[in-house]
Amino acid sequence: MLDRWCVRCGRNGPTPYIRKNIGLLADPDISDKAIGILDVGCGNGRNSEFLRGLGFWNIMALDMHPTYKNAIRCGTEGIVLGQSELPVSSGVVDLIVATYVMMFLSRSERKQLLSELSRAAKIGCRMVVELYPAKDSETPSAEAVAKLQNELKKSLKLQWDVLKESKDRFIAVKCRPCSVKRV
């Protein structure tokens, strides 16, 4: 994990998907914007800074190789994405931004990270996931990205509902665990 990184981290401004869907990402019932945001794989902090500019101030940004001055560098803090517990309490996060990070994790690392994200998320938390084919990742092709997107949605199925979906990205909301066992 420590030797993989996203070439898109050098871009400025938020991802177009986040800018376009900001209304879905912030729960309209929250009036003071003092929400807990977890930006996992924040890179240069472009999404965190966009959200901060909208008045959201409680943001924890994490990355293995951050170029963002406000990020927690995971390797030096004893945190390894997909292997360690996240440094956040259970049930406190309102928004999870996971753009261009999941494809750099192995299947077991994704499973562990999704478990940690679900633990940290409040009921009603939104999560935005964006993916892309990267040669040095687990998803070097468009077909592999589509397969990963389906895998992620399936992994989240019992605790999260997909609000919006398009090619290589989706937004989900954490709901109460289903009381009926799915087969």
N, C-alpha and C. Protein backbone atom coordinates (compact mmCIF):
# COMPACT_ATOMS: atom_id res chain seq x y z
N MET A 1 0.82 -1.20 0.00
CA MET A 1 0.00 0.00 0.00
C MET A 1 0.86 1.25 0.00
N LEU A 2 1.96 1.27 0.70
CA LEU A 2 2.75 2.49 0.84
C LEU A 2 3.39 2.95 -0.46
N ASP A 3 3.52 2.08 -1.45
CA ASP A 3 4.16 2.47 -2.69
C ASP A 3 3.17 2.82 -3.80
N ARG A 4 1.87 2.85 -3.49
CA ARG A 4 0.86 3.16 -4.49
C ARG A 4 0.24 4.52 -4.19
N TRP A 5 -0.01 5.28 -5.23
CA TRP A 5 -0.63 6.58 -5.04
C TRP A 5 -1.37 6.99 -6.30
N CYS A 6 -2.24 7.94 -6.13
CA CYS A 6 -3.13 8.37 -7.21
C CYS A 6 -2.54 9.53 -7.99
N VAL A 7 -2.45 9.37 -9.29
CA VAL A 7 -1.93 10.45 -10.14
C VAL A 7 -2.88 11.64 -10.18
N ARG A 8 -4.12 11.44 -9.78
CA ARG A 8 -5.10 12.53 -9.80
C ARG A 8 -4.93 13.47 -8.60
N CYS A 9 -4.07 13.10 -7.65
CA CYS A 9 -3.88 13.93 -6.45
C CYS A 9 -3.31 15.29 -6.77
N GLY A 10 -2.71 15.47 -7.93
CA GLY A 10 -2.15 16.75 -8.30
C GLY A 10 -3.17 17.73 -8.85
N ARG A 11 -4.38 17.28 -9.08
CA ARG A 11 -5.41 18.16 -9.63
C ARG A 11 -5.91 19.14 -8.57
N ASN A 12 -6.35 20.28 -9.01
CA ASN A 12 -6.88 21.29 -8.10
C ASN A 12 -8.39 21.27 -8.13
N GLY A 13 -9.00 21.73 -7.07
CA GLY A 13 -10.45 21.78 -6.98
C GLY A 13 -11.03 20.42 -6.66
N PRO A 14 -12.25 20.39 -6.18
CA PRO A 14 -12.87 19.12 -5.82
C PRO A 14 -13.16 18.28 -7.05
N THR A 15 -13.41 17.01 -6.84
CA THR A 15 -13.80 16.20 -7.98
C THR A 15 -15.15 16.73 -8.49
N PRO A 16 -15.38 16.69 -9.79
CA PRO A 16 -16.65 17.18 -10.33
C PRO A 16 -17.86 16.47 -9.72
N TYR A 17 -17.71 15.18 -9.38
CA TYR A 17 -18.82 14.41 -8.81
C TYR A 17 -19.21 14.98 -7.44
N ILE A 18 -18.23 15.35 -6.63
CA ILE A 18 -18.53 15.94 -5.32
C ILE A 18 -19.17 17.30 -5.50
N ARG A 19 -18.62 18.12 -6.37
CA ARG A 19 -19.19 19.46 -6.61
C ARG A 19 -20.64 19.33 -7.08
N LYS A 20 -20.89 18.43 -8.00
CA LYS A 20 -22.24 18.26 -8.58
C LYS A 20 -23.24 17.73 -7.55
N ASN A 21 -22.78 16.89 -6.63
CA ASN A 21 -23.69 16.20 -5.71
C ASN A 21 -23.60 16.67 -4.27
N ILE A 22 -23.10 17.86 -4.04
CA ILE A 22 -22.93 18.34 -2.66
C ILE A 22 -24.25 18.32 -1.90
N GLY A 23 -25.35 18.54 -2.57
CA GLY A 23 -26.66 18.50 -1.91
C GLY A 23 -27.01 17.13 -1.37
N LEU A 24 -26.54 16.07 -2.01
CA LEU A 24 -26.78 14.71 -1.51
C LEU A 24 -25.80 14.32 -0.41
N LEU A 25 -24.63 14.94 -0.39
CA LEU A 25 -23.60 14.54 0.54
C LEU A 25 -23.79 15.09 1.94
N ALA A 26 -24.31 16.28 2.05
CA ALA A 26 -24.55 16.89 3.35
C ALA A 26 -26.01 16.71 3.70
N ASP A 27 -26.27 16.09 4.82
CA ASP A 27 -27.64 15.83 5.26
C ASP A 27 -28.35 17.16 5.50
N PRO A 28 -29.49 17.40 4.82
CA PRO A 28 -30.19 18.68 4.97
C PRO A 28 -30.73 18.91 6.38
N ASP A 29 -30.82 17.85 7.20
CA ASP A 29 -31.31 18.02 8.57
C ASP A 29 -30.25 18.63 9.49
N ILE A 30 -29.02 18.68 9.05
CA ILE A 30 -27.96 19.27 9.86
C ILE A 30 -27.88 20.74 9.51
N SER A 31 -28.16 21.59 10.47
CA SER A 31 -28.24 23.01 10.17
C SER A 31 -26.95 23.78 10.43
N ASP A 32 -26.09 23.30 11.32
CA ASP A 32 -24.93 24.12 11.69
C ASP A 32 -23.65 23.76 10.93
N LYS A 33 -23.67 22.81 10.07
CA LYS A 33 -22.52 22.39 9.27
C LYS A 33 -21.33 21.92 10.12
N ALA A 34 -21.55 21.73 11.40
CA ALA A 34 -20.48 21.25 12.28
C ALA A 34 -20.51 19.72 12.26
N ILE A 35 -20.35 19.17 11.09
CA ILE A 35 -20.45 17.72 10.96
C ILE A 35 -19.07 17.10 10.88
N GLY A 36 -18.99 15.84 11.21
CA GLY A 36 -17.74 15.12 11.13
C GLY A 36 -17.55 14.55 9.74
N ILE A 37 -16.49 14.97 9.08
CA ILE A 37 -16.18 14.48 7.74
C ILE A 37 -14.88 13.70 7.81
N LEU A 38 -14.86 12.55 7.19
CA LEU A 38 -13.67 11.72 7.10
C LEU A 38 -13.30 11.65 5.63
N ASP A 39 -12.17 12.23 5.27
CA ASP A 39 -11.67 12.22 3.89
C ASP A 39 -10.55 11.19 3.84
N VAL A 40 -10.88 10.00 3.38
CA VAL A 40 -9.94 8.87 3.37
C VAL A 40 -9.24 8.84 2.01
N GLY A 41 -7.93 8.91 2.03
CA GLY A 41 -7.18 9.01 0.78
C GLY A 41 -7.28 10.42 0.24
N CYS A 42 -7.04 11.41 1.10
CA CYS A 42 -7.29 12.81 0.77
C CYS A 42 -6.33 13.40 -0.26
N GLY A 43 -5.16 12.79 -0.46
CA GLY A 43 -4.20 13.33 -1.42
C GLY A 43 -3.80 14.74 -1.09
N ASN A 44 -4.02 15.66 -2.01
CA ASN A 44 -3.64 17.05 -1.78
C ASN A 44 -4.70 17.86 -1.03
N GLY A 45 -5.77 17.20 -0.60
CA GLY A 45 -6.79 17.87 0.20
C GLY A 45 -7.80 18.67 -0.58
N ARG A 46 -7.86 18.44 -1.88
CA ARG A 46 -8.75 19.27 -2.70
C ARG A 46 -10.21 19.15 -2.31
N ASN A 47 -10.68 17.95 -1.94
CA ASN A 47 -12.07 17.81 -1.53
C ASN A 47 -12.28 18.37 -0.13
N SER A 48 -11.32 18.15 0.77
CA SER A 48 -11.42 18.71 2.13
C SER A 48 -11.48 20.23 2.09
N GLU A 49 -10.65 20.84 1.28
CA GLU A 49 -10.63 22.30 1.19
C GLU A 49 -11.92 22.84 0.57
N PHE A 50 -12.47 22.13 -0.40
CA PHE A 50 -13.75 22.54 -0.98
C PHE A 50 -14.83 22.53 0.09
N LEU A 51 -14.89 21.46 0.88
CA LEU A 51 -15.90 21.35 1.93
C LEU A 51 -15.66 22.40 3.01
N ARG A 52 -14.41 22.64 3.36
CA ARG A 52 -14.08 23.68 4.34
C ARG A 52 -14.55 25.05 3.83
N GLY A 53 -14.39 25.29 2.55
CA GLY A 53 -14.83 26.55 1.95
C GLY A 53 -16.34 26.73 1.99
N LEU A 54 -17.08 25.63 2.10
CA LEU A 54 -18.54 25.70 2.21
C LEU A 54 -18.99 25.86 3.66
N GLY A 55 -18.03 25.88 4.59
CA GLY A 55 -18.36 26.07 6.00
C GLY A 55 -18.30 24.82 6.84
N PHE A 56 -17.95 23.69 6.26
CA PHE A 56 -17.80 22.46 7.04
C PHE A 56 -16.41 22.49 7.67
N TRP A 57 -16.31 22.42 8.96
CA TRP A 57 -15.03 22.62 9.60
C TRP A 57 -14.48 21.37 10.28
N ASN A 58 -15.30 20.43 10.65
CA ASN A 58 -14.84 19.27 11.41
C ASN A 58 -14.44 18.15 10.44
N ILE A 59 -13.24 18.29 9.85
CA ILE A 59 -12.78 17.37 8.80
C ILE A 59 -11.51 16.67 9.25
N MET A 60 -11.51 15.33 9.17
CA MET A 60 -10.29 14.56 9.40
C MET A 60 -9.87 13.99 8.05
N ALA A 61 -8.69 14.39 7.60
CA ALA A 61 -8.16 13.96 6.31
C ALA A 61 -7.03 12.96 6.55
N LEU A 62 -7.08 11.82 5.87
CA LEU A 62 -6.09 10.75 6.03
C LEU A 62 -5.52 10.36 4.68
N ASP A 63 -4.23 10.10 4.63
CA ASP A 63 -3.61 9.61 3.40
C ASP A 63 -2.28 8.95 3.74
N MET A 64 -1.88 8.01 2.91
CA MET A 64 -0.58 7.36 3.09
C MET A 64 0.55 8.27 2.65
N HIS A 65 0.31 9.10 1.64
CA HIS A 65 1.31 10.03 1.09
C HIS A 65 0.67 11.40 0.92
N PRO A 66 0.26 12.05 2.00
CA PRO A 66 -0.46 13.31 1.81
C PRO A 66 0.45 14.44 1.37
N THR A 67 -0.08 15.23 0.47
CA THR A 67 0.57 16.49 0.12
C THR A 67 -0.25 17.63 0.71
N TYR A 68 -1.26 17.27 1.47
CA TYR A 68 -2.16 18.22 2.11
C TYR A 68 -1.64 18.50 3.52
N LYS A 69 -1.38 19.75 3.82
CA LYS A 69 -0.76 20.10 5.10
C LYS A 69 -1.60 19.74 6.32
N ASN A 70 -2.93 19.63 6.16
CA ASN A 70 -3.80 19.31 7.29
C ASN A 70 -4.11 17.83 7.42
N ALA A 71 -3.45 17.00 6.62
CA ALA A 71 -3.74 15.57 6.65
C ALA A 71 -2.91 14.85 7.71
N ILE A 72 -3.45 13.74 8.15
CA ILE A 72 -2.69 12.82 8.99
C ILE A 72 -2.02 11.83 8.06
N ARG A 73 -0.70 11.80 8.09
CA ARG A 73 0.04 10.84 7.26
C ARG A 73 -0.02 9.50 7.97
N CYS A 74 -0.71 8.57 7.37
CA CYS A 74 -1.00 7.31 8.02
C CYS A 74 0.24 6.53 8.43
N GLY A 75 1.20 6.38 7.56
CA GLY A 75 2.37 5.58 7.89
C GLY A 75 3.13 6.06 9.10
N THR A 76 3.25 7.37 9.28
CA THR A 76 4.00 7.91 10.40
C THR A 76 3.18 7.97 11.68
N GLU A 77 1.88 7.89 11.58
CA GLU A 77 1.01 7.94 12.75
C GLU A 77 0.65 6.54 13.25
N GLY A 78 1.26 5.53 12.67
CA GLY A 78 0.95 4.16 13.07
C GLY A 78 -0.33 3.63 12.47
N ILE A 79 -0.91 4.34 11.53
CA ILE A 79 -2.15 3.94 10.88
C ILE A 79 -1.82 3.50 9.47
N VAL A 80 -2.32 2.35 9.08
CA VAL A 80 -2.18 1.90 7.70
C VAL A 80 -3.59 1.63 7.19
N LEU A 81 -3.99 2.38 6.16
CA LEU A 81 -5.34 2.21 5.62
C LEU A 81 -5.54 0.77 5.20
N GLY A 82 -6.64 0.20 5.66
CA GLY A 82 -6.95 -1.18 5.33
C GLY A 82 -6.33 -2.20 6.26
N GLN A 83 -5.57 -1.72 7.25
CA GLN A 83 -4.95 -2.63 8.21
C GLN A 83 -5.14 -2.19 9.65
N SER A 84 -5.33 -0.90 9.88
CA SER A 84 -5.42 -0.35 11.24
C SER A 84 -6.80 0.21 11.52
N GLU A 85 -7.11 0.33 12.82
CA GLU A 85 -8.32 1.05 13.19
C GLU A 85 -8.14 2.51 12.84
N LEU A 86 -9.22 3.14 12.42
CA LEU A 86 -9.17 4.57 12.13
C LEU A 86 -9.21 5.34 13.45
N PRO A 87 -8.52 6.48 13.52
CA PRO A 87 -8.46 7.25 14.76
C PRO A 87 -9.70 8.11 14.99
N VAL A 88 -10.85 7.46 15.01
CA VAL A 88 -12.11 8.17 15.18
C VAL A 88 -13.05 7.27 15.97
N SER A 89 -13.88 7.88 16.80
CA SER A 89 -14.83 7.12 17.62
C SER A 89 -15.91 6.49 16.77
N SER A 90 -16.63 5.56 17.36
CA SER A 90 -17.73 4.89 16.66
C SER A 90 -18.95 5.80 16.57
N GLY A 91 -19.62 5.77 15.41
CA GLY A 91 -20.88 6.46 15.23
C GLY A 91 -20.83 7.97 15.29
N VAL A 92 -19.73 8.59 14.81
CA VAL A 92 -19.61 10.04 14.89
C VAL A 92 -19.47 10.74 13.54
N VAL A 93 -19.26 9.98 12.48
CA VAL A 93 -18.98 10.59 11.17
C VAL A 93 -20.28 10.76 10.38
N ASP A 94 -20.44 11.96 9.82
CA ASP A 94 -21.62 12.29 9.02
C ASP A 94 -21.39 12.14 7.52
N LEU A 95 -20.14 12.28 7.09
CA LEU A 95 -19.81 12.21 5.67
C LEU A 95 -18.45 11.56 5.49
N ILE A 96 -18.39 10.57 4.62
CA ILE A 96 -17.13 9.89 4.28
C ILE A 96 -16.85 10.18 2.81
N VAL A 97 -15.66 10.70 2.55
CA VAL A 97 -15.20 10.95 1.19
C VAL A 97 -14.11 9.92 0.91
N ALA A 98 -14.36 9.01 0.00
CA ALA A 98 -13.39 7.97 -0.35
C ALA A 98 -13.19 8.01 -1.87
N THR A 99 -12.53 9.07 -2.32
CA THR A 99 -12.32 9.24 -3.74
C THR A 99 -10.95 8.72 -4.13
N TYR A 100 -10.94 7.86 -5.11
CA TYR A 100 -9.71 7.34 -5.73
C TYR A 100 -8.77 6.68 -4.73
N VAL A 101 -9.33 5.89 -3.80
CA VAL A 101 -8.49 5.19 -2.83
C VAL A 101 -8.75 3.68 -2.84
N MET A 102 -9.99 3.26 -3.00
CA MET A 102 -10.34 1.84 -2.85
C MET A 102 -9.61 0.94 -3.84
N MET A 103 -9.30 1.44 -5.03
CA MET A 103 -8.66 0.59 -6.03
C MET A 103 -7.19 0.33 -5.72
N PHE A 104 -6.62 1.05 -4.75
CA PHE A 104 -5.23 0.82 -4.36
C PHE A 104 -5.11 -0.17 -3.20
N LEU A 105 -6.25 -0.63 -2.69
CA LEU A 105 -6.25 -1.57 -1.58
C LEU A 105 -6.54 -2.98 -2.07
N SER A 106 -5.96 -3.96 -1.41
CA SER A 106 -6.26 -5.36 -1.72
C SER A 106 -7.67 -5.67 -1.23
N ARG A 107 -8.19 -6.80 -1.59
CA ARG A 107 -9.54 -7.20 -1.16
C ARG A 107 -9.65 -7.21 0.36
N SER A 108 -8.66 -7.79 1.04
CA SER A 108 -8.71 -7.84 2.51
C SER A 108 -8.57 -6.44 3.12
N GLU A 109 -7.77 -5.58 2.52
CA GLU A 109 -7.64 -4.20 3.01
C GLU A 109 -8.94 -3.43 2.81
N ARG A 110 -9.60 -3.63 1.67
CA ARG A 110 -10.89 -2.96 1.44
C ARG A 110 -11.92 -3.42 2.46
N LYS A 111 -11.95 -4.71 2.71
CA LYS A 111 -12.91 -5.26 3.68
C LYS A 111 -12.69 -4.64 5.06
N GLN A 112 -11.44 -4.56 5.48
CA GLN A 112 -11.13 -3.99 6.79
C GLN A 112 -11.48 -2.50 6.83
N LEU A 113 -11.13 -1.76 5.77
CA LEU A 113 -11.43 -0.33 5.74
C LEU A 113 -12.94 -0.08 5.72
N LEU A 114 -13.68 -0.85 4.94
CA LEU A 114 -15.14 -0.68 4.92
C LEU A 114 -15.75 -0.96 6.29
N SER A 115 -15.21 -1.94 6.99
CA SER A 115 -15.67 -2.24 8.34
C SER A 115 -15.41 -1.06 9.27
N GLU A 116 -14.23 -0.47 9.16
CA GLU A 116 -13.88 0.69 9.98
C GLU A 116 -14.75 1.90 9.62
N LEU A 117 -15.00 2.10 8.34
CA LEU A 117 -15.84 3.23 7.93
C LEU A 117 -17.27 3.05 8.45
N SER A 118 -17.78 1.83 8.37
CA SER A 118 -19.12 1.55 8.88
C SER A 118 -19.18 1.75 10.40
N ARG A 119 -18.13 1.37 11.09
CA ARG A 119 -18.07 1.56 12.54
C ARG A 119 -18.10 3.05 12.89
N ALA A 120 -17.35 3.84 12.17
CA ALA A 120 -17.23 5.27 12.45
C ALA A 120 -18.47 6.07 12.05
N ALA A 121 -19.23 5.56 11.10
CA ALA A 121 -20.37 6.30 10.53
C ALA A 121 -21.59 6.30 11.44
N LYS A 122 -22.25 7.46 11.49
CA LYS A 122 -23.55 7.57 12.14
C LYS A 122 -24.60 6.96 11.22
N ILE A 123 -25.75 6.61 11.77
CA ILE A 123 -26.90 6.29 10.93
C ILE A 123 -27.23 7.57 10.15
N GLY A 124 -27.40 7.48 8.85
CA GLY A 124 -27.66 8.64 8.02
C GLY A 124 -26.40 9.21 7.38
N CYS A 125 -25.24 8.70 7.77
CA CYS A 125 -23.98 9.15 7.18
C CYS A 125 -24.01 8.90 5.68
N ARG A 126 -23.48 9.84 4.93
CA ARG A 126 -23.33 9.66 3.48
C ARG A 126 -21.89 9.24 3.20
N MET A 127 -21.71 8.43 2.18
CA MET A 127 -20.37 8.05 1.73
C MET A 127 -20.31 8.18 0.22
N VAL A 128 -19.32 8.91 -0.26
CA VAL A 128 -19.10 9.02 -1.69
C VAL A 128 -17.84 8.22 -2.02
N VAL A 129 -17.97 7.35 -3.02
CA VAL A 129 -16.86 6.51 -3.48
C VAL A 129 -16.65 6.79 -4.96
N GLU A 130 -15.41 7.10 -5.31
CA GLU A 130 -15.05 7.28 -6.72
C GLU A 130 -13.87 6.38 -7.03
N LEU A 131 -13.90 5.80 -8.22
CA LEU A 131 -12.88 4.86 -8.66
C LEU A 131 -12.39 5.24 -10.05
N TYR A 132 -11.23 4.72 -10.44
CA TYR A 132 -10.77 4.86 -11.82
C TYR A 132 -9.75 3.77 -12.11
N PRO A 133 -9.59 3.40 -13.38
CA PRO A 133 -8.58 2.39 -13.71
C PRO A 133 -7.18 2.99 -13.61
N ALA A 134 -6.33 2.36 -12.82
CA ALA A 134 -4.95 2.83 -12.66
C ALA A 134 -4.02 1.64 -12.85
N LYS A 135 -2.99 1.83 -13.64
CA LYS A 135 -2.08 0.73 -13.96
C LYS A 135 -1.45 0.10 -12.73
N ASP A 136 -1.13 0.90 -11.71
CA ASP A 136 -0.46 0.38 -10.53
C ASP A 136 -1.42 0.01 -9.40
N SER A 137 -2.69 -0.24 -9.75
CA SER A 137 -3.70 -0.53 -8.73
C SER A 137 -4.27 -1.94 -8.92
N GLU A 138 -5.24 -2.25 -8.09
CA GLU A 138 -5.97 -3.52 -8.20
C GLU A 138 -6.95 -3.49 -9.37
N THR A 139 -7.16 -2.31 -9.96
CA THR A 139 -8.13 -2.15 -11.05
C THR A 139 -7.48 -1.44 -12.24
N PRO A 140 -6.68 -2.16 -13.03
CA PRO A 140 -6.00 -1.52 -14.16
C PRO A 140 -6.87 -1.29 -15.39
N SER A 141 -8.11 -1.78 -15.38
CA SER A 141 -8.97 -1.64 -16.56
C SER A 141 -10.37 -1.18 -16.16
N ALA A 142 -11.12 -0.71 -17.14
CA ALA A 142 -12.51 -0.30 -16.89
C ALA A 142 -13.34 -1.46 -16.39
N GLU A 143 -13.09 -2.65 -16.90
CA GLU A 143 -13.83 -3.83 -16.46
C GLU A 143 -13.53 -4.14 -14.99
N ALA A 144 -12.28 -3.99 -14.58
CA ALA A 144 -11.90 -4.24 -13.19
C ALA A 144 -12.54 -3.20 -12.26
N VAL A 145 -12.65 -1.96 -12.71
CA VAL A 145 -13.29 -0.91 -11.92
C VAL A 145 -14.77 -1.24 -11.73
N ALA A 146 -15.45 -1.65 -12.79
CA ALA A 146 -16.87 -2.01 -12.70
C ALA A 146 -17.06 -3.18 -11.73
N LYS A 147 -16.18 -4.14 -11.79
CA LYS A 147 -16.24 -5.29 -10.88
C LYS A 147 -16.03 -4.83 -9.43
N LEU A 148 -15.07 -3.94 -9.21
CA LEU A 148 -14.82 -3.43 -7.86
C LEU A 148 -16.02 -2.64 -7.35
N GLN A 149 -16.61 -1.81 -8.20
CA GLN A 149 -17.78 -1.05 -7.77
C GLN A 149 -18.89 -1.99 -7.31
N ASN A 150 -19.13 -3.05 -8.05
CA ASN A 150 -20.15 -4.03 -7.66
C ASN A 150 -19.77 -4.73 -6.36
N GLU A 151 -18.49 -5.05 -6.20
CA GLU A 151 -18.02 -5.69 -4.97
C GLU A 151 -18.24 -4.78 -3.76
N LEU A 152 -17.91 -3.51 -3.91
CA LEU A 152 -18.08 -2.56 -2.81
C LEU A 152 -19.55 -2.41 -2.43
N LYS A 153 -20.41 -2.27 -3.41
CA LYS A 153 -21.85 -2.14 -3.13
C LYS A 153 -22.38 -3.40 -2.44
N LYS A 154 -21.92 -4.56 -2.89
CA LYS A 154 -22.35 -5.81 -2.27
C LYS A 154 -21.86 -5.89 -0.82
N SER A 155 -20.64 -5.47 -0.57
CA SER A 155 -20.09 -5.48 0.78
C SER A 155 -20.85 -4.56 1.71
N LEU A 156 -21.36 -3.47 1.20
CA LEU A 156 -22.06 -2.47 2.00
C LEU A 156 -23.55 -2.78 2.16
N LYS A 157 -24.06 -3.72 1.42
CA LYS A 157 -25.50 -3.95 1.25
C LYS A 157 -26.31 -4.04 2.55
N LEU A 158 -25.80 -4.68 3.58
CA LEU A 158 -26.59 -4.86 4.80
C LEU A 158 -26.68 -3.62 5.67
N GLN A 159 -25.74 -2.68 5.51
CA GLN A 159 -25.76 -1.48 6.35
C GLN A 159 -25.92 -0.19 5.57
N TRP A 160 -25.78 -0.22 4.27
CA TRP A 160 -25.80 1.00 3.46
C TRP A 160 -26.76 0.83 2.29
N ASP A 161 -27.45 1.90 1.94
CA ASP A 161 -28.29 1.94 0.75
C ASP A 161 -27.65 2.89 -0.26
N VAL A 162 -27.61 2.50 -1.52
CA VAL A 162 -27.05 3.35 -2.56
C VAL A 162 -28.10 4.40 -2.94
N LEU A 163 -27.74 5.67 -2.81
CA LEU A 163 -28.64 6.78 -3.16
C LEU A 163 -28.53 7.13 -4.64
N LYS A 164 -27.30 7.10 -5.13
CA LYS A 164 -27.04 7.51 -6.51
C LYS A 164 -25.84 6.72 -7.00
N GLU A 165 -25.90 6.35 -8.28
CA GLU A 165 -24.83 5.55 -8.85
C GLU A 165 -24.63 5.93 -10.30
N SER A 166 -23.39 5.96 -10.70
CA SER A 166 -23.05 6.11 -12.11
C SER A 166 -21.75 5.35 -12.34
N LYS A 167 -21.28 5.38 -13.55
CA LYS A 167 -20.06 4.64 -13.88
C LYS A 167 -18.91 5.11 -13.00
N ASP A 168 -18.28 4.19 -12.31
CA ASP A 168 -17.08 4.42 -11.49
C ASP A 168 -17.31 5.23 -10.22
N ARG A 169 -18.56 5.40 -9.78
CA ARG A 169 -18.80 6.18 -8.57
C ARG A 169 -20.20 5.93 -8.03
N PHE A 170 -20.34 6.13 -6.72
CA PHE A 170 -21.67 6.04 -6.11
C PHE A 170 -21.68 6.79 -4.78
N ILE A 171 -22.90 7.10 -4.34
CA ILE A 171 -23.13 7.72 -3.05
C ILE A 171 -24.07 6.78 -2.29
N ALA A 172 -23.69 6.46 -1.05
CA ALA A 172 -24.51 5.57 -0.22
C ALA A 172 -24.82 6.27 1.10
N VAL A 173 -25.88 5.82 1.76
CA VAL A 173 -26.26 6.33 3.08
C VAL A 173 -26.34 5.15 4.04
N LYS A 174 -25.81 5.35 5.24
CA LYS A 174 -25.85 4.28 6.24
C LYS A 174 -27.24 4.23 6.85
N CYS A 175 -27.81 3.04 6.86
CA CYS A 175 -29.13 2.83 7.42
C CYS A 175 -29.00 1.86 8.59
N ARG A 176 -30.08 1.65 9.30
CA ARG A 176 -30.04 0.67 10.39
C ARG A 176 -29.85 -0.72 9.79
N PRO A 177 -29.12 -1.60 10.45
CA PRO A 177 -28.94 -2.95 9.90
C PRO A 177 -30.29 -3.62 9.66
N CYS A 178 -30.36 -4.33 8.58
CA CYS A 178 -31.57 -5.05 8.20
C CYS A 178 -31.87 -6.13 9.22
N SER A 179 -33.09 -6.21 9.67
CA SER A 179 -33.45 -7.23 10.66
C SER A 179 -33.80 -8.57 10.03
N VAL A 180 -33.99 -8.59 8.72
CA VAL A 180 -34.30 -9.81 8.00
C VAL A 180 -33.00 -10.31 7.35
N LYS A 181 -32.68 -11.56 7.59
CA LYS A 181 -31.46 -12.10 6.96
C LYS A 181 -31.67 -12.27 5.48
N ARG A 182 -30.72 -11.75 4.73
CA ARG A 182 -30.78 -11.89 3.27
C ARG A 182 -30.06 -13.14 2.86
N VAL A 183 -30.59 -13.78 1.85
CA VAL A 183 -29.97 -15.03 1.38
C VAL A 183 -29.18 -14.78 0.12
